[in-house]
Amino acid sequence: MLPAFCLAVGMALGFAGYFGGFGAFLLVAALGAIGFVVGRLLEGDLEFGDFVRPRGRNRR
């Protein structure tokens, strides 16, 4: 499932880069990354605190 999804993403980025130029390529890549993170948040694989908490030792 994942290789097919990655193939589709790569094809979308390729089409955006070919037909829309480098700016469109970057826009599609950024929106894809945002969508990926939001999807992981909604599935419960990530938590919002993972982005704001410092890594390493717990500071309390």
Protein backbone atom coordinates (compact mmCIF):
# COMPACT_ATOMS: atom_id res chain seq x y z
CA MET A 1 0.00 0.00 0.00
CA LEU A 2 2.73 2.47 0.94
CA PRO A 3 4.80 2.02 -2.25
CA ALA A 4 1.72 2.71 -4.39
CA PHE A 5 0.95 5.83 -2.36
CA CYS A 6 4.54 7.05 -2.69
CA LEU A 7 4.38 6.41 -6.43
CA ALA A 8 1.21 8.53 -6.69
CA VAL A 9 2.81 11.33 -4.68
CA GLY A 10 5.90 11.25 -6.86
CA MET A 11 3.79 11.39 -10.00
CA ALA A 12 1.78 14.33 -8.67
CA LEU A 13 4.98 16.21 -7.85
CA GLY A 14 6.35 15.41 -11.29
CA PHE A 15 3.23 16.71 -13.04
CA ALA A 16 3.21 19.83 -10.87
CA GLY A 17 6.85 20.50 -11.66
CA TYR A 18 6.43 19.87 -15.39
CA PHE A 19 3.24 21.84 -15.97
CA GLY A 20 3.45 24.48 -13.25
CA GLY A 21 7.14 25.06 -12.75
CA PHE A 22 9.25 24.95 -9.64
CA GLY A 23 6.85 27.11 -7.58
CA ALA A 24 4.01 24.66 -8.17
CA PHE A 25 6.32 21.78 -7.32
CA LEU A 26 7.15 23.37 -3.95
CA LEU A 27 3.49 24.17 -3.26
CA VAL A 28 2.39 20.60 -3.94
CA ALA A 29 5.25 19.22 -1.81
CA ALA A 30 4.43 21.53 1.11
CA LEU A 31 0.71 20.79 0.99
CA GLY A 32 1.45 17.08 0.77
CA ALA A 33 3.66 17.25 3.86
CA ILE A 34 1.00 19.19 5.77
CA GLY A 35 -1.64 16.67 4.72
CA PHE A 36 0.58 13.81 5.82
CA VAL A 37 1.09 15.30 9.29
CA VAL A 38 -2.62 16.10 9.70
CA GLY A 39 -3.50 12.56 8.65
CA ARG A 40 -1.10 11.12 11.22
CA LEU A 41 -2.56 13.41 13.89
CA LEU A 42 -6.10 12.30 13.05
CA GLU A 43 -5.13 8.61 13.08
CA GLY A 44 -3.51 9.00 16.48
CA ASP A 45 0.01 8.06 15.37
CA LEU A 46 1.27 11.52 16.35
CA GLU A 47 0.28 13.91 19.09
CA PHE A 48 0.48 17.68 18.90
CA GLY A 49 2.75 17.66 21.94
CA ASP A 50 5.39 15.80 19.92
CA PHE A 51 6.03 19.05 18.05
CA VAL A 52 6.31 21.36 21.07
CA ARG A 53 7.97 19.24 23.76
CA PRO A 54 11.76 19.20 23.93
CA ARG A 55 13.34 15.86 23.09
CA GLY A 56 15.64 14.02 25.43
CA ARG A 57 15.28 14.47 29.15
CA ASN A 58 11.93 15.22 30.75
CA ARG A 59 12.09 18.63 32.37
CA ARG A 60 9.63 19.03 35.22
